[in-house]
Amino acid sequence: MQERFDVQGMSCAHCVRAVTEAVKRLDAAARGEVDLPTGRVAVDSTVARARIADAIREEGYTVVG
């Protein structure tokens, strides 16, 4: 299932990598896309939305909504 997140605090390629790797640690088969200028993250995964949001927060970013 695809989930969309609004993420604050991402500003560079390192941020994109950190968010992507956090999701991949939960679900190696997950597919995602990070739109850095808008702060939107789309994740296609079987992992629950709350767990994905928590993983992004653990990397130091704010998940809005």
PDB file of N, CA and C in Angstrom:
ATOM      1  N   MET A   1       0.836  -1.174   0.000  1.00  0.00           N
ATOM      2  CA  MET A   1       0.000   0.000   0.000  1.00  0.00           C
ATOM      3  C   MET A   1       0.885   1.243   0.000  1.00  0.00           C
ATOM      4  N   GLN A   2       0.506   2.225  -0.784  1.00  0.00           N
ATOM      5  CA  GLN A   2       1.311   3.443  -0.843  1.00  0.00           C
ATOM      6  C   GLN A   2       0.814   4.455   0.185  1.00  0.00           C
ATOM      7  N   GLU A   3       1.766   4.979   0.929  1.00  0.00           N
ATOM      8  CA  GLU A   3       1.499   6.010   1.925  1.00  0.00           C
ATOM      9  C   GLU A   3       2.285   7.249   1.544  1.00  0.00           C
ATOM     10  N   ARG A   4       1.731   8.401   1.867  1.00  0.00           N
ATOM     11  CA  ARG A   4       2.409   9.677   1.595  1.00  0.00           C
ATOM     12  C   ARG A   4       2.619  10.406   2.915  1.00  0.00           C
ATOM     13  N   PHE A   5       3.783  11.005   3.024  1.00  0.00           N
ATOM     14  CA  PHE A   5       4.167  11.719   4.233  1.00  0.00           C
ATOM     15  C   PHE A   5       4.664  13.104   3.872  1.00  0.00           C
ATOM     16  N   ASP A   6       4.339  14.079   4.699  1.00  0.00           N
ATOM     17  CA  ASP A   6       4.943  15.407   4.599  1.00  0.00           C
ATOM     18  C   ASP A   6       6.020  15.442   5.663  1.00  0.00           C
ATOM     19  N   VAL A   7       7.260  15.642   5.221  1.00  0.00           N
ATOM     20  CA  VAL A   7       8.414  15.560   6.128  1.00  0.00           C
ATOM     21  C   VAL A   7       9.137  16.899   6.145  1.00  0.00           C
ATOM     22  N   GLN A   8       9.338  17.425   7.334  1.00  0.00           N
ATOM     23  CA  GLN A   8      10.054  18.691   7.485  1.00  0.00           C
ATOM     24  C   GLN A   8      11.482  18.422   7.946  1.00  0.00           C
ATOM     25  N   GLY A   9      12.395  19.262   7.479  1.00  0.00           N
ATOM     26  CA  GLY A   9      13.779  19.184   7.917  1.00  0.00           C
ATOM     27  C   GLY A   9      14.726  18.571   6.903  1.00  0.00           C
ATOM     28  N   MET A  10      14.202  18.100   5.774  1.00  0.00           N
ATOM     29  CA  MET A  10      15.073  17.539   4.739  1.00  0.00           C
ATOM     30  C   MET A  10      15.599  18.681   3.882  1.00  0.00           C
ATOM     31  N   SER A  11      16.920  18.683   3.635  1.00  0.00           N
ATOM     32  CA  SER A  11      17.475  19.796   2.859  1.00  0.00           C
ATOM     33  C   SER A  11      18.523  19.385   1.830  1.00  0.00           C
ATOM     34  N   CYS A  12      18.899  18.095   1.815  1.00  0.00           N
ATOM     35  CA  CYS A  12      19.988  17.708   0.916  1.00  0.00           C
ATOM     36  C   CYS A  12      19.900  16.221   0.556  1.00  0.00           C
ATOM     37  N   ALA A  13      20.835  15.793  -0.266  1.00  0.00           N
ATOM     38  CA  ALA A  13      20.870  14.395  -0.697  1.00  0.00           C
ATOM     39  C   ALA A  13      21.098  13.453   0.487  1.00  0.00           C
ATOM     40  N   HIS A  14      21.855  13.900   1.480  1.00  0.00           N
ATOM     41  CA  HIS A  14      22.057  13.070   2.671  1.00  0.00           C
ATOM     42  C   HIS A  14      20.716  12.803   3.366  1.00  0.00           C
ATOM     43  N   CYS A  15      19.864  13.796   3.435  1.00  0.00           N
ATOM     44  CA  CYS A  15      18.543  13.643   4.048  1.00  0.00           C
ATOM     45  C   CYS A  15      17.708  12.616   3.282  1.00  0.00           C
ATOM     46  N   VAL A  16      17.737  12.712   1.970  1.00  0.00           N
ATOM     47  CA  VAL A  16      17.003  11.764   1.136  1.00  0.00           C
ATOM     48  C   VAL A  16      17.502  10.350   1.405  1.00  0.00           C
ATOM     49  N   ARG A  17      18.802  10.186   1.463  1.00  0.00           N
ATOM     50  CA  ARG A  17      19.405   8.876   1.718  1.00  0.00           C
ATOM     51  C   ARG A  17      19.013   8.354   3.102  1.00  0.00           C
ATOM     52  N   ALA A  18      19.038   9.219   4.105  1.00  0.00           N
ATOM     53  CA  ALA A  18      18.703   8.813   5.470  1.00  0.00           C
ATOM     54  C   ALA A  18      17.263   8.328   5.565  1.00  0.00           C
ATOM     55  N   VAL A  19      16.348   9.051   4.951  1.00  0.00           N
ATOM     56  CA  VAL A  19      14.937   8.658   4.968  1.00  0.00           C
ATOM     57  C   VAL A  19      14.741   7.358   4.196  1.00  0.00           C
ATOM     58  N   THR A  20      15.351   7.256   3.040  1.00  0.00           N
ATOM     59  CA  THR A  20      15.233   6.048   2.223  1.00  0.00           C
ATOM     60  C   THR A  20      15.772   4.835   2.959  1.00  0.00           C
ATOM     61  N   GLU A  21      16.927   4.962   3.576  1.00  0.00           N
ATOM     62  CA  GLU A  21      17.525   3.839   4.296  1.00  0.00           C
ATOM     63  C   GLU A  21      16.717   3.461   5.529  1.00  0.00           C
ATOM     64  N   ALA A  22      16.109   4.429   6.185  1.00  0.00           N
ATOM     65  CA  ALA A  22      15.266   4.135   7.348  1.00  0.00           C
ATOM     66  C   ALA A  22      14.076   3.268   6.938  1.00  0.00           C
ATOM     67  N   VAL A  23      13.487   3.593   5.807  1.00  0.00           N
ATOM     68  CA  VAL A  23      12.354   2.802   5.307  1.00  0.00           C
ATOM     69  C   VAL A  23      12.825   1.417   4.887  1.00  0.00           C
ATOM     70  N   LYS A  24      13.949   1.343   4.212  1.00  0.00           N
ATOM     71  CA  LYS A  24      14.479   0.059   3.733  1.00  0.00           C
ATOM     72  C   LYS A  24      14.850  -0.876   4.890  1.00  0.00           C
ATOM     73  N   ARG A  25      15.238  -0.312   6.035  1.00  0.00           N
ATOM     74  CA  ARG A  25      15.535  -1.159   7.190  1.00  0.00           C
ATOM     75  C   ARG A  25      14.272  -1.862   7.687  1.00  0.00           C
ATOM     76  N   LEU A  26      13.133  -1.209   7.533  1.00  0.00           N
ATOM     77  CA  LEU A  26      11.861  -1.815   7.932  1.00  0.00           C
ATOM     78  C   LEU A  26      11.376  -2.831   6.909  1.00  0.00           C
ATOM     79  N   ASP A  27      11.562  -2.498   5.643  1.00  0.00           N
ATOM     80  CA  ASP A  27      11.045  -3.329   4.544  1.00  0.00           C
ATOM     81  C   ASP A  27      11.999  -3.201   3.356  1.00  0.00           C
ATOM     82  N   ALA A  28      12.839  -4.203   3.196  1.00  0.00           N
ATOM     83  CA  ALA A  28      13.838  -4.171   2.120  1.00  0.00           C
ATOM     84  C   ALA A  28      13.200  -4.087   0.738  1.00  0.00           C
ATOM     85  N   ALA A  29      11.961  -4.547   0.615  1.00  0.00           N
ATOM     86  CA  ALA A  29      11.276  -4.534  -0.670  1.00  0.00           C
ATOM     87  C   ALA A  29      10.495  -3.245  -0.912  1.00  0.00           C
ATOM     88  N   ALA A  30      10.514  -2.346   0.044  1.00  0.00           N
ATOM     89  CA  ALA A  30       9.757  -1.098  -0.086  1.00  0.00           C
ATOM     90  C   ALA A  30      10.281  -0.271  -1.253  1.00  0.00           C
ATOM     91  N   ARG A  31       9.363   0.421  -1.883  1.00  0.00           N
ATOM     92  CA  ARG A  31       9.729   1.366  -2.935  1.00  0.00           C
ATOM     93  C   ARG A  31       9.298   2.744  -2.477  1.00  0.00           C
ATOM     94  N   GLY A  32      10.115   3.724  -2.745  1.00  0.00           N
ATOM     95  CA  GLY A  32       9.759   5.060  -2.298  1.00  0.00           C
ATOM     96  C   GLY A  32      10.313   6.137  -3.186  1.00  0.00           C
ATOM     97  N   GLU A  33       9.775   7.322  -2.967  1.00  0.00           N
ATOM     98  CA  GLU A  33      10.221   8.491  -3.715  1.00  0.00           C
ATOM     99  C   GLU A  33      10.214   9.681  -2.763  1.00  0.00           C
ATOM    100  N   VAL A  34      11.304  10.412  -2.747  1.00  0.00           N
ATOM    101  CA  VAL A  34      11.419  11.595  -1.913  1.00  0.00           C
ATOM    102  C   VAL A  34      11.497  12.810  -2.823  1.00  0.00           C
ATOM    103  N   ASP A  35      10.569  13.729  -2.616  1.00  0.00           N
ATOM    104  CA  ASP A  35      10.578  14.990  -3.360  1.00  0.00           C
ATOM    105  C   ASP A  35      11.132  16.050  -2.414  1.00  0.00           C
ATOM    106  N   LEU A  36      12.415  16.293  -2.522  1.00  0.00           N
ATOM    107  CA  LEU A  36      13.117  17.183  -1.595  1.00  0.00           C
ATOM    108  C   LEU A  36      12.529  18.597  -1.548  1.00  0.00           C
ATOM    109  N   PRO A  37      12.250  19.236  -2.698  1.00  0.00           N
ATOM    110  CA  PRO A  37      11.740  20.615  -2.640  1.00  0.00           C
ATOM    111  C   PRO A  37      10.403  20.757  -1.895  1.00  0.00           C
ATOM    112  N   THR A  38       9.536  19.750  -1.999  1.00  0.00           N
ATOM    113  CA  THR A  38       8.224  19.840  -1.345  1.00  0.00           C
ATOM    114  C   THR A  38       8.198  19.151   0.011  1.00  0.00           C
ATOM    115  N   GLY A  39       9.194  18.317   0.295  1.00  0.00           N
ATOM    116  CA  GLY A  39       9.214  17.575   1.543  1.00  0.00           C
ATOM    117  C   GLY A  39       8.258  16.397   1.556  1.00  0.00           C
ATOM    118  N   ARG A  40       7.824  15.976   0.402  1.00  0.00           N
ATOM    119  CA  ARG A  40       6.888  14.849   0.323  1.00  0.00           C
ATOM    120  C   ARG A  40       7.640  13.544   0.108  1.00  0.00           C
ATOM    121  N   VAL A  41       7.203  12.543   0.858  1.00  0.00           N
ATOM    122  CA  VAL A  41       7.780  11.211   0.756  1.00  0.00           C
ATOM    123  C   VAL A  41       6.640  10.242   0.473  1.00  0.00           C
ATOM    124  N   ALA A  42       6.766   9.462  -0.594  1.00  0.00           N
ATOM    125  CA  ALA A  42       5.788   8.430  -0.932  1.00  0.00           C
ATOM    126  C   ALA A  42       6.468   7.083  -0.748  1.00  0.00           C
ATOM    127  N   VAL A  43       5.800   6.189  -0.031  1.00  0.00           N
ATOM    128  CA  VAL A  43       6.374   4.873   0.255  1.00  0.00           C
ATOM    129  C   VAL A  43       5.352   3.807  -0.083  1.00  0.00           C
ATOM    130  N   ASP A  44       5.773   2.833  -0.879  1.00  0.00           N
ATOM    131  CA  ASP A  44       4.952   1.680  -1.198  1.00  0.00           C
ATOM    132  C   ASP A  44       5.518   0.504  -0.407  1.00  0.00           C
ATOM    133  N   SER A  45       4.788   0.076   0.634  1.00  0.00           N
ATOM    134  CA  SER A  45       5.294  -0.944   1.541  1.00  0.00           C
ATOM    135  C   SER A  45       4.136  -1.648   2.230  1.00  0.00           C
ATOM    136  N   THR A  46       4.408  -2.823   2.769  1.00  0.00           N
ATOM    137  CA  THR A  46       3.412  -3.553   3.558  1.00  0.00           C
ATOM    138  C   THR A  46       3.509  -3.180   5.036  1.00  0.00           C
ATOM    139  N   VAL A  47       4.492  -2.397   5.404  1.00  0.00           N
ATOM    140  CA  VAL A  47       4.689  -1.975   6.790  1.00  0.00           C
ATOM    141  C   VAL A  47       3.664  -0.891   7.131  1.00  0.00           C
ATOM    142  N   ALA A  48       3.175  -0.916   8.360  1.00  0.00           N
ATOM    143  CA  ALA A  48       2.178   0.056   8.808  1.00  0.00           C
ATOM    144  C   ALA A  48       2.688   1.490   8.721  1.00  0.00           C
ATOM    145  N   ARG A  49       1.789   2.378   8.378  1.00  0.00           N
ATOM    146  CA  ARG A  49       2.119   3.808   8.235  1.00  0.00           C
ATOM    147  C   ARG A  49       2.817   4.348   9.479  1.00  0.00           C
ATOM    148  N   ALA A  50       2.307   4.023  10.652  1.00  0.00           N
ATOM    149  CA  ALA A  50       2.867   4.538  11.906  1.00  0.00           C
ATOM    150  C   ALA A  50       4.314   4.108  12.092  1.00  0.00           C
ATOM    151  N   ARG A  51       4.641   2.889  11.721  1.00  0.00           N
ATOM    152  CA  ARG A  51       6.020   2.411  11.854  1.00  0.00           C
ATOM    153  C   ARG A  51       6.957   3.147  10.910  1.00  0.00           C
ATOM    154  N   ILE A  52       6.482   3.424   9.691  1.00  0.00           N
ATOM    155  CA  ILE A  52       7.297   4.170   8.734  1.00  0.00           C
ATOM    156  C   ILE A  52       7.527   5.584   9.251  1.00  0.00           C
ATOM    157  N   ALA A  53       6.463   6.224   9.732  1.00  0.00           N
ATOM    158  CA  ALA A  53       6.589   7.580  10.262  1.00  0.00           C
ATOM    159  C   ALA A  53       7.571   7.607  11.437  1.00  0.00           C
ATOM    160  N   ASP A  54       7.487   6.610  12.311  1.00  0.00           N
ATOM    161  CA  ASP A  54       8.411   6.538  13.451  1.00  0.00           C
ATOM    162  C   ASP A  54       9.860   6.401  12.988  1.00  0.00           C
ATOM    163  N   ALA A  55      10.084   5.590  11.958  1.00  0.00           N
ATOM    164  CA  ALA A  55      11.441   5.398  11.437  1.00  0.00           C
ATOM    165  C   ALA A  55      12.002   6.703  10.876  1.00  0.00           C
ATOM    166  N   ILE A  56      11.151   7.472  10.207  1.00  0.00           N
ATOM    167  CA  ILE A  56      11.583   8.767   9.665  1.00  0.00           C
ATOM    168  C   ILE A  56      11.896   9.727  10.814  1.00  0.00           C
ATOM    169  N   ARG A  57      11.050   9.729  11.839  1.00  0.00           N
ATOM    170  CA  ARG A  57      11.282  10.590  13.008  1.00  0.00           C
ATOM    171  C   ARG A  57      12.580  10.228  13.705  1.00  0.00           C
ATOM    172  N   GLU A  58      12.881   8.948  13.793  1.00  0.00           N
ATOM    173  CA  GLU A  58      14.116   8.495  14.450  1.00  0.00           C
ATOM    174  C   GLU A  58      15.361   9.021  13.737  1.00  0.00           C
ATOM    175  N   GLU A  59      15.230   9.366  12.473  1.00  0.00           N
ATOM    176  CA  GLU A  59      16.347   9.949  11.724  1.00  0.00           C
ATOM    177  C   GLU A  59      16.469  11.448  11.983  1.00  0.00           C
ATOM    178  N   GLY A  60      15.546  12.003  12.757  1.00  0.00           N
ATOM    179  CA  GLY A  60      15.631  13.411  13.130  1.00  0.00           C
ATOM    180  C   GLY A  60      14.727  14.351  12.349  1.00  0.00           C
ATOM    181  N   TYR A  61      13.793  13.816  11.592  1.00  0.00           N
ATOM    182  CA  TYR A  61      12.908  14.635  10.781  1.00  0.00           C
ATOM    183  C   TYR A  61      11.505  14.672  11.401  1.00  0.00           C
ATOM    184  N   THR A  62      10.756  15.696  11.071  1.00  0.00           N
ATOM    185  CA  THR A  62       9.394  15.847  11.572  1.00  0.00           C
ATOM    186  C   THR A  62       8.426  15.365  10.505  1.00  0.00           C
ATOM    187  N   VAL A  63       7.548  14.443  10.890  1.00  0.00           N
ATOM    188  CA  VAL A  63       6.497  13.968   9.989  1.00  0.00           C
ATOM    189  C   VAL A  63       5.217  14.708  10.381  1.00  0.00           C
ATOM    190  N   VAL A  64       4.672  15.454   9.431  1.00  0.00           N
ATOM    191  CA  VAL A  64       3.480  16.257   9.681  1.00  0.00           C
ATOM    192  C   VAL A  64       2.252  15.487   9.245  1.00  0.00           C
ATOM    193  N   GLY A  65       1.253  15.488  10.082  1.00  0.00           N
ATOM    194  CA  GLY A  65      -0.020  14.848   9.730  1.00  0.00           C
ATOM    195  C   GLY A  65      -0.114  13.391  10.029  1.00  0.00           C
TER     196      GLY A  65
END
